[in-house]
Amino acid sequence: QTSEDRVWMVSFLVKRWGGPISIAVYVVSESSIRPERKRLARINRQPGSSIVEVKGQPHEGYPINRLRNLALQRVITSHFLLTD
């Protein structure tokens, strides 16, 4: 799970990891995520990978449990590494 202000790091993590990845991205501002969408779409097309966006409001708290659970639901391997 990550937020729109840290999603830029995902490309670096994917490159180092080299395997399938499942990420939930918390999006409050459409304008801040727009530049990252092409990169996220490329990652999402990798076999076994999943990127899901969760829309939020500025006054809401960061839903870490919801994001983690959404990403975990999309894992298709028998093992996973969770980094909160």
PDB file of N, CA and C in Angstrom:
ATOM      1  N   GLN A   1       0.844  -1.169   0.000  1.00  0.00           N
ATOM      2  CA  GLN A   1       0.000   0.000   0.000  1.00  0.00           C
ATOM      3  C   GLN A   1       0.886   1.226   0.000  1.00  0.00           C
ATOM      4  N   THR A   2       0.373   2.244  -0.653  1.00  0.00           N
ATOM      5  CA  THR A   2       1.106   3.502  -0.694  1.00  0.00           C
ATOM      6  C   THR A   2       0.134   4.643  -0.955  1.00  0.00           C
ATOM      7  N   SER A   3       0.625   5.842  -0.798  1.00  0.00           N
ATOM      8  CA  SER A   3      -0.189   7.018  -1.069  1.00  0.00           C
ATOM      9  C   SER A   3       0.338   7.701  -2.328  1.00  0.00           C
ATOM     10  N   GLU A   4      -0.443   8.613  -2.852  1.00  0.00           N
ATOM     11  CA  GLU A   4      -0.082   9.287  -4.098  1.00  0.00           C
ATOM     12  C   GLU A   4       1.228  10.068  -3.999  1.00  0.00           C
ATOM     13  N   ASP A   5       1.600  10.514  -2.803  1.00  0.00           N
ATOM     14  CA  ASP A   5       2.843  11.271  -2.664  1.00  0.00           C
ATOM     15  C   ASP A   5       4.080  10.371  -2.620  1.00  0.00           C
ATOM     16  N   ARG A   6       3.882   9.069  -2.481  1.00  0.00           N
ATOM     17  CA  ARG A   6       5.015   8.135  -2.454  1.00  0.00           C
ATOM     18  C   ARG A   6       4.986   7.124  -3.601  1.00  0.00           C
ATOM     19  N   VAL A   7       4.021   7.245  -4.455  1.00  0.00           N
ATOM     20  CA  VAL A   7       3.876   6.270  -5.531  1.00  0.00           C
ATOM     21  C   VAL A   7       5.045   6.325  -6.524  1.00  0.00           C
ATOM     22  N   TRP A   8       5.747   7.435  -6.563  1.00  0.00           N
ATOM     23  CA  TRP A   8       6.902   7.546  -7.461  1.00  0.00           C
ATOM     24  C   TRP A   8       7.969   6.491  -7.146  1.00  0.00           C
ATOM     25  N   MET A   9       8.006   5.998  -5.901  1.00  0.00           N
ATOM     26  CA  MET A   9       8.993   4.992  -5.495  1.00  0.00           C
ATOM     27  C   MET A   9       8.682   3.595  -6.036  1.00  0.00           C
ATOM     28  N   VAL A  10       7.450   3.373  -6.429  1.00  0.00           N
ATOM     29  CA  VAL A  10       7.012   2.040  -6.842  1.00  0.00           C
ATOM     30  C   VAL A  10       7.840   1.517  -8.009  1.00  0.00           C
ATOM     31  N   SER A  11       8.125   2.343  -8.986  1.00  0.00           N
ATOM     32  CA  SER A  11       8.910   1.904 -10.152  1.00  0.00           C
ATOM     33  C   SER A  11      10.276   1.355  -9.730  1.00  0.00           C
ATOM     34  N   PHE A  12      10.916   2.010  -8.775  1.00  0.00           N
ATOM     35  CA  PHE A  12      12.215   1.554  -8.288  1.00  0.00           C
ATOM     36  C   PHE A  12      12.088   0.221  -7.549  1.00  0.00           C
ATOM     37  N   LEU A  13      11.049   0.068  -6.751  1.00  0.00           N
ATOM     38  CA  LEU A  13      10.831  -1.181  -6.023  1.00  0.00           C
ATOM     39  C   LEU A  13      10.558  -2.339  -6.984  1.00  0.00           C
ATOM     40  N   VAL A  14       9.753  -2.082  -7.991  1.00  0.00           N
ATOM     41  CA  VAL A  14       9.415  -3.115  -8.973  1.00  0.00           C
ATOM     42  C   VAL A  14      10.669  -3.571  -9.713  1.00  0.00           C
ATOM     43  N   LYS A  15      11.491  -2.614 -10.081  1.00  0.00           N
ATOM     44  CA  LYS A  15      12.724  -2.943 -10.808  1.00  0.00           C
ATOM     45  C   LYS A  15      13.650  -3.822  -9.960  1.00  0.00           C
ATOM     46  N   ARG A  16      13.781  -3.490  -8.684  1.00  0.00           N
ATOM     47  CA  ARG A  16      14.642  -4.283  -7.799  1.00  0.00           C
ATOM     48  C   ARG A  16      14.031  -5.643  -7.456  1.00  0.00           C
ATOM     49  N   TRP A  17      12.723  -5.676  -7.266  1.00  0.00           N
ATOM     50  CA  TRP A  17      12.033  -6.906  -6.880  1.00  0.00           C
ATOM     51  C   TRP A  17      12.054  -7.902  -8.023  1.00  0.00           C
ATOM     52  N   GLY A  18      11.627  -7.484  -9.196  1.00  0.00           N
ATOM     53  CA  GLY A  18      11.693  -8.339 -10.374  1.00  0.00           C
ATOM     54  C   GLY A  18      10.586  -9.371 -10.499  1.00  0.00           C
ATOM     55  N   GLY A  19       9.688  -9.445  -9.541  1.00  0.00           N
ATOM     56  CA  GLY A  19       8.604 -10.421  -9.594  1.00  0.00           C
ATOM     57  C   GLY A  19       7.256  -9.747  -9.544  1.00  0.00           C
ATOM     58  N   PRO A  20       6.192 -10.540  -9.405  1.00  0.00           N
ATOM     59  CA  PRO A  20       4.853  -9.960  -9.322  1.00  0.00           C
ATOM     60  C   PRO A  20       4.714  -9.068  -8.094  1.00  0.00           C
ATOM     61  N   ILE A  21       3.883  -8.057  -8.216  1.00  0.00           N
ATOM     62  CA  ILE A  21       3.690  -7.119  -7.122  1.00  0.00           C
ATOM     63  C   ILE A  21       2.223  -6.715  -7.060  1.00  0.00           C
ATOM     64  N   SER A  22       1.715  -6.549  -5.858  1.00  0.00           N
ATOM     65  CA  SER A  22       0.329  -6.135  -5.658  1.00  0.00           C
ATOM     66  C   SER A  22       0.335  -4.902  -4.764  1.00  0.00           C
ATOM     67  N   ILE A  23      -0.196  -3.800  -5.289  1.00  0.00           N
ATOM     68  CA  ILE A  23      -0.145  -2.537  -4.567  1.00  0.00           C
ATOM     69  C   ILE A  23      -1.511  -1.853  -4.606  1.00  0.00           C
ATOM     70  N   ALA A  24      -1.922  -1.314  -3.468  1.00  0.00           N
ATOM     71  CA  ALA A  24      -3.109  -0.460  -3.381  1.00  0.00           C
ATOM     72  C   ALA A  24      -2.616   0.965  -3.180  1.00  0.00           C
ATOM     73  N   VAL A  25      -3.089   1.875  -4.026  1.00  0.00           N
ATOM     74  CA  VAL A  25      -2.657   3.277  -3.988  1.00  0.00           C
ATOM     75  C   VAL A  25      -3.812   4.142  -3.504  1.00  0.00           C
ATOM     76  N   TYR A  26      -3.581   4.889  -2.437  1.00  0.00           N
ATOM     77  CA  TYR A  26      -4.594   5.789  -1.891  1.00  0.00           C
ATOM     78  C   TYR A  26      -4.502   7.125  -2.614  1.00  0.00           C
ATOM     79  N   VAL A  27      -5.594   7.525  -3.272  1.00  0.00           N
ATOM     80  CA  VAL A  27      -5.614   8.723  -4.102  1.00  0.00           C
ATOM     81  C   VAL A  27      -6.613   9.734  -3.548  1.00  0.00           C
ATOM     82  N   VAL A  28      -6.099  10.899  -3.169  1.00  0.00           N
ATOM     83  CA  VAL A  28      -6.947  11.994  -2.714  1.00  0.00           C
ATOM     84  C   VAL A  28      -7.025  13.066  -3.799  1.00  0.00           C
ATOM     85  N   SER A  29      -5.910  13.309  -4.472  1.00  0.00           N
ATOM     86  CA  SER A  29      -5.833  14.351  -5.485  1.00  0.00           C
ATOM     87  C   SER A  29      -5.596  13.730  -6.861  1.00  0.00           C
ATOM     88  N   GLU A  30      -6.551  13.888  -7.741  1.00  0.00           N
ATOM     89  CA  GLU A  30      -6.444  13.355  -9.097  1.00  0.00           C
ATOM     90  C   GLU A  30      -5.228  13.928  -9.823  1.00  0.00           C
ATOM     91  N   SER A  31      -4.938  15.185  -9.615  1.00  0.00           N
ATOM     92  CA  SER A  31      -3.823  15.823 -10.320  1.00  0.00           C
ATOM     93  C   SER A  31      -2.465  15.273  -9.886  1.00  0.00           C
ATOM     94  N   SER A  32      -2.340  14.804  -8.666  1.00  0.00           N
ATOM     95  CA  SER A  32      -1.050  14.293  -8.210  1.00  0.00           C
ATOM     96  C   SER A  32      -0.784  12.864  -8.677  1.00  0.00           C
ATOM     97  N   ILE A  33      -1.812  12.090  -8.964  1.00  0.00           N
ATOM     98  CA  ILE A  33      -1.618  10.705  -9.408  1.00  0.00           C
ATOM     99  C   ILE A  33      -1.522  10.611 -10.934  1.00  0.00           C
ATOM    100  N   ARG A  34      -2.088  11.565 -11.627  1.00  0.00           N
ATOM    101  CA  ARG A  34      -2.131  11.533 -13.094  1.00  0.00           C
ATOM    102  C   ARG A  34      -0.769  11.266 -13.744  1.00  0.00           C
ATOM    103  N   PRO A  35       0.313  11.950 -13.326  1.00  0.00           N
ATOM    104  CA  PRO A  35       1.615  11.706 -13.963  1.00  0.00           C
ATOM    105  C   PRO A  35       2.151  10.288 -13.756  1.00  0.00           C
ATOM    106  N   GLU A  36       1.698   9.601 -12.731  1.00  0.00           N
ATOM    107  CA  GLU A  36       2.195   8.256 -12.410  1.00  0.00           C
ATOM    108  C   GLU A  36       1.389   7.139 -13.077  1.00  0.00           C
ATOM    109  N   ARG A  37       0.257   7.443 -13.639  1.00  0.00           N
ATOM    110  CA  ARG A  37      -0.642   6.413 -14.161  1.00  0.00           C
ATOM    111  C   ARG A  37      -0.020   5.558 -15.262  1.00  0.00           C
ATOM    112  N   LYS A  38       0.781   6.142 -16.136  1.00  0.00           N
ATOM    113  CA  LYS A  38       1.418   5.347 -17.198  1.00  0.00           C
ATOM    114  C   LYS A  38       2.356   4.305 -16.604  1.00  0.00           C
ATOM    115  N   ARG A  39       3.155   4.723 -15.640  1.00  0.00           N
ATOM    116  CA  ARG A  39       4.070   3.773 -14.989  1.00  0.00           C
ATOM    117  C   ARG A  39       3.304   2.677 -14.264  1.00  0.00           C
ATOM    118  N   LEU A  40       2.255   3.056 -13.561  1.00  0.00           N
ATOM    119  CA  LEU A  40       1.445   2.073 -12.840  1.00  0.00           C
ATOM    120  C   LEU A  40       0.769   1.109 -13.808  1.00  0.00           C
ATOM    121  N   ALA A  41       0.321   1.602 -14.951  1.00  0.00           N
ATOM    122  CA  ALA A  41      -0.316   0.731 -15.944  1.00  0.00           C
ATOM    123  C   ALA A  41       0.676  -0.294 -16.480  1.00  0.00           C
ATOM    124  N   ARG A  42       1.921   0.113 -16.702  1.00  0.00           N
ATOM    125  CA  ARG A  42       2.950  -0.838 -17.167  1.00  0.00           C
ATOM    126  C   ARG A  42       3.185  -1.929 -16.121  1.00  0.00           C
ATOM    127  N   ILE A  43       3.255  -1.534 -14.861  1.00  0.00           N
ATOM    128  CA  ILE A  43       3.448  -2.503 -13.781  1.00  0.00           C
ATOM    129  C   ILE A  43       2.253  -3.450 -13.719  1.00  0.00           C
ATOM    130  N   ASN A  44       1.060  -2.905 -13.857  1.00  0.00           N
ATOM    131  CA  ASN A  44      -0.162  -3.699 -13.770  1.00  0.00           C
ATOM    132  C   ASN A  44      -0.240  -4.751 -14.873  1.00  0.00           C
ATOM    133  N   ARG A  45       0.419  -4.507 -16.004  1.00  0.00           N
ATOM    134  CA  ARG A  45       0.414  -5.465 -17.116  1.00  0.00           C
ATOM    135  C   ARG A  45       1.418  -6.599 -16.930  1.00  0.00           C
ATOM    136  N   GLN A  46       2.299  -6.478 -15.947  1.00  0.00           N
ATOM    137  CA  GLN A  46       3.266  -7.549 -15.702  1.00  0.00           C
ATOM    138  C   GLN A  46       2.534  -8.767 -15.140  1.00  0.00           C
ATOM    139  N   PRO A  47       2.902  -9.964 -15.592  1.00  0.00           N
ATOM    140  CA  PRO A  47       2.216 -11.177 -15.118  1.00  0.00           C
ATOM    141  C   PRO A  47       2.196 -11.286 -13.594  1.00  0.00           C
ATOM    142  N   GLY A  48       1.008 -11.504 -13.052  1.00  0.00           N
ATOM    143  CA  GLY A  48       0.833 -11.698 -11.621  1.00  0.00           C
ATOM    144  C   GLY A  48       0.754 -10.422 -10.810  1.00  0.00           C
ATOM    145  N   SER A  49       0.917  -9.284 -11.445  1.00  0.00           N
ATOM    146  CA  SER A  49       0.913  -8.013 -10.714  1.00  0.00           C
ATOM    147  C   SER A  49      -0.465  -7.374 -10.711  1.00  0.00           C
ATOM    148  N   SER A  50      -0.700  -6.550  -9.705  1.00  0.00           N
ATOM    149  CA  SER A  50      -1.984  -5.868  -9.564  1.00  0.00           C
ATOM    150  C   SER A  50      -1.786  -4.505  -8.919  1.00  0.00           C
ATOM    151  N   ILE A  51      -2.360  -3.490  -9.538  1.00  0.00           N
ATOM    152  CA  ILE A  51      -2.369  -2.142  -8.979  1.00  0.00           C
ATOM    153  C   ILE A  51      -3.825  -1.724  -8.873  1.00  0.00           C
ATOM    154  N   VAL A  52      -4.244  -1.307  -7.698  1.00  0.00           N
ATOM    155  CA  VAL A  52      -5.617  -0.843  -7.503  1.00  0.00           C
ATOM    156  C   VAL A  52      -5.576   0.532  -6.855  1.00  0.00           C
ATOM    157  N   GLU A  53      -6.410   1.437  -7.362  1.00  0.00           N
ATOM    158  CA  GLU A  53      -6.517   2.774  -6.782  1.00  0.00           C
ATOM    159  C   GLU A  53      -7.729   2.833  -5.869  1.00  0.00           C
ATOM    160  N   VAL A  54      -7.548   3.452  -4.726  1.00  0.00           N
ATOM    161  CA  VAL A  54      -8.631   3.661  -3.768  1.00  0.00           C
ATOM    162  C   VAL A  54      -8.814   5.161  -3.611  1.00  0.00           C
ATOM    163  N   LYS A  55      -9.975   5.655  -3.972  1.00  0.00           N
ATOM    164  CA  LYS A  55     -10.261   7.089  -3.883  1.00  0.00           C
ATOM    165  C   LYS A  55     -10.568   7.470  -2.436  1.00  0.00           C
ATOM    166  N   GLY A  56     -10.043   8.608  -2.023  1.00  0.00           N
ATOM    167  CA  GLY A  56     -10.277   9.093  -0.677  1.00  0.00           C
ATOM    168  C   GLY A  56     -10.592  10.575  -0.663  1.00  0.00           C
ATOM    169  N   GLN A  57     -10.879  11.085   0.498  1.00  0.00           N
ATOM    170  CA  GLN A  57     -11.175  12.498   0.706  1.00  0.00           C
ATOM    171  C   GLN A  57     -10.109  13.084   1.627  1.00  0.00           C
ATOM    172  N   PRO A  58      -9.783  14.367   1.447  1.00  0.00           N
ATOM    173  CA  PRO A  58      -8.741  14.986   2.277  1.00  0.00           C
ATOM    174  C   PRO A  58      -9.000  14.908   3.780  1.00  0.00           C
ATOM    175  N   HIS A  59     -10.247  14.904   4.192  1.00  0.00           N
ATOM    176  CA  HIS A  59     -10.571  14.892   5.625  1.00  0.00           C
ATOM    177  C   HIS A  59     -10.563  13.485   6.233  1.00  0.00           C
ATOM    178  N   GLU A  60     -10.437  12.457   5.390  1.00  0.00           N
ATOM    179  CA  GLU A  60     -10.417  11.076   5.892  1.00  0.00           C
ATOM    180  C   GLU A  60      -9.006  10.711   6.349  1.00  0.00           C
ATOM    181  N   GLY A  61      -8.936   9.796   7.278  1.00  0.00           N
ATOM    182  CA  GLY A  61      -7.645   9.262   7.682  1.00  0.00           C
ATOM    183  C   GLY A  61      -7.130   8.280   6.649  1.00  0.00           C
ATOM    184  N   TYR A  62      -5.860   7.926   6.759  1.00  0.00           N
ATOM    185  CA  TYR A  62      -5.238   6.989   5.825  1.00  0.00           C
ATOM    186  C   TYR A  62      -5.692   5.571   6.174  1.00  0.00           C
ATOM    187  N   PRO A  63      -6.398   4.883   5.261  1.00  0.00           N
ATOM    188  CA  PRO A  63      -6.983   3.565   5.575  1.00  0.00           C
ATOM    189  C   PRO A  63      -6.000   2.414   5.360  1.00  0.00           C
ATOM    190  N   ILE A  64      -4.974   2.342   6.173  1.00  0.00           N
ATOM    191  CA  ILE A  64      -3.910   1.364   5.971  1.00  0.00           C
ATOM    192  C   ILE A  64      -4.421  -0.074   5.948  1.00  0.00           C
ATOM    193  N   ASN A  65      -5.331  -0.425   6.840  1.00  0.00           N
ATOM    194  CA  ASN A  65      -5.840  -1.799   6.863  1.00  0.00           C
ATOM    195  C   ASN A  65      -6.611  -2.139   5.593  1.00  0.00           C
ATOM    196  N   ARG A  66      -7.453  -1.228   5.143  1.00  0.00           N
ATOM    197  CA  ARG A  66      -8.221  -1.456   3.914  1.00  0.00           C
ATOM    198  C   ARG A  66      -7.291  -1.613   2.716  1.00  0.00           C
ATOM    199  N   LEU A  67      -6.298  -0.745   2.609  1.00  0.00           N
ATOM    200  CA  LEU A  67      -5.359  -0.810   1.493  1.00  0.00           C
ATOM    201  C   LEU A  67      -4.562  -2.116   1.510  1.00  0.00           C
ATOM    202  N   ARG A  68      -4.058  -2.460   2.679  1.00  0.00           N
ATOM    203  CA  ARG A  68      -3.295  -3.711   2.804  1.00  0.00           C
ATOM    204  C   ARG A  68      -4.138  -4.900   2.408  1.00  0.00           C
ATOM    205  N   ASN A  69      -5.377  -4.958   2.903  1.00  0.00           N
ATOM    206  CA  ASN A  69      -6.250  -6.093   2.609  1.00  0.00           C
ATOM    207  C   ASN A  69      -6.617  -6.173   1.135  1.00  0.00           C
ATOM    208  N   LEU A  70      -6.838  -5.025   0.495  1.00  0.00           N
ATOM    209  CA  LEU A  70      -7.127  -5.031  -0.947  1.00  0.00           C
ATOM    210  C   LEU A  70      -5.949  -5.573  -1.739  1.00  0.00           C
ATOM    211  N   ALA A  71      -4.745  -5.135  -1.382  1.00  0.00           N
ATOM    212  CA  ALA A  71      -3.555  -5.627  -2.081  1.00  0.00           C
ATOM    213  C   ALA A  71      -3.361  -7.124  -1.834  1.00  0.00           C
ATOM    214  N   LEU A  72      -3.569  -7.565  -0.604  1.00  0.00           N
ATOM    215  CA  LEU A  72      -3.407  -8.995  -0.284  1.00  0.00           C
ATOM    216  C   LEU A  72      -4.421  -9.870  -1.011  1.00  0.00           C
ATOM    217  N   GLN A  73      -5.631  -9.375  -1.197  1.00  0.00           N
ATOM    218  CA  GLN A  73      -6.659 -10.139  -1.910  1.00  0.00           C
ATOM    219  C   GLN A  73      -6.255 -10.422  -3.348  1.00  0.00           C
ATOM    220  N   ARG A  74      -5.384  -9.615  -3.897  1.00  0.00           N
ATOM    221  CA  ARG A  74      -4.982  -9.760  -5.292  1.00  0.00           C
ATOM    222  C   ARG A  74      -3.686 -10.551  -5.481  1.00  0.00           C
ATOM    223  N   VAL A  75      -3.087 -11.007  -4.390  1.00  0.00           N
ATOM    224  CA  VAL A  75      -1.877 -11.828  -4.476  1.00  0.00           C
ATOM    225  C   VAL A  75      -2.258 -13.203  -5.020  1.00  0.00           C
ATOM    226  N   ILE A  76      -1.520 -13.673  -6.026  1.00  0.00           N
ATOM    227  CA  ILE A  76      -1.840 -14.975  -6.616  1.00  0.00           C
ATOM    228  C   ILE A  76      -0.758 -16.022  -6.366  1.00  0.00           C
ATOM    229  N   THR A  77       0.271 -15.664  -5.618  1.00  0.00           N
ATOM    230  CA  THR A  77       1.324 -16.616  -5.293  1.00  0.00           C
ATOM    231  C   THR A  77       1.043 -17.268  -3.938  1.00  0.00           C
ATOM    232  N   SER A  78       1.763 -18.316  -3.626  1.00  0.00           N
ATOM    233  CA  SER A  78       1.535 -19.010  -2.360  1.00  0.00           C
ATOM    234  C   SER A  78       2.199 -18.278  -1.177  1.00  0.00           C
ATOM    235  N   HIS A  79       3.173 -17.422  -1.455  1.00  0.00           N
ATOM    236  CA  HIS A  79       3.876 -16.666  -0.422  1.00  0.00           C
ATOM    237  C   HIS A  79       3.906 -15.195  -0.832  1.00  0.00           C
ATOM    238  N   PHE A  80       4.067 -14.315   0.162  1.00  0.00           N
ATOM    239  CA  PHE A  80       4.165 -12.891  -0.140  1.00  0.00           C
ATOM    240  C   PHE A  80       5.020 -12.195   0.911  1.00  0.00           C
ATOM    241  N   LEU A  81       5.560 -11.048   0.536  1.00  0.00           N
ATOM    242  CA  LEU A  81       6.312 -10.202   1.433  1.00  0.00           C
ATOM    243  C   LEU A  81       5.512  -8.940   1.649  1.00  0.00           C
ATOM    244  N   LEU A  82       5.133  -8.684   2.886  1.00  0.00           N
ATOM    245  CA  LEU A  82       4.321  -7.514   3.226  1.00  0.00           C
ATOM    246  C   LEU A  82       5.224  -6.426   3.771  1.00  0.00           C
ATOM    247  N   THR A  83       5.171  -5.255   3.160  1.00  0.00           N
ATOM    248  CA  THR A  83       5.931  -4.106   3.659  1.00  0.00           C
ATOM    249  C   THR A  83       4.948  -2.977   3.904  1.00  0.00           C
ATOM    250  N   ASP A  84       4.690  -2.690   5.154  1.00  0.00           N
ATOM    251  CA  ASP A  84       3.792  -1.585   5.513  1.00  0.00           C
ATOM    252  C   ASP A  84       4.604  -0.346   5.714  1.00  0.00           C
TER     253      ASP A  84
END
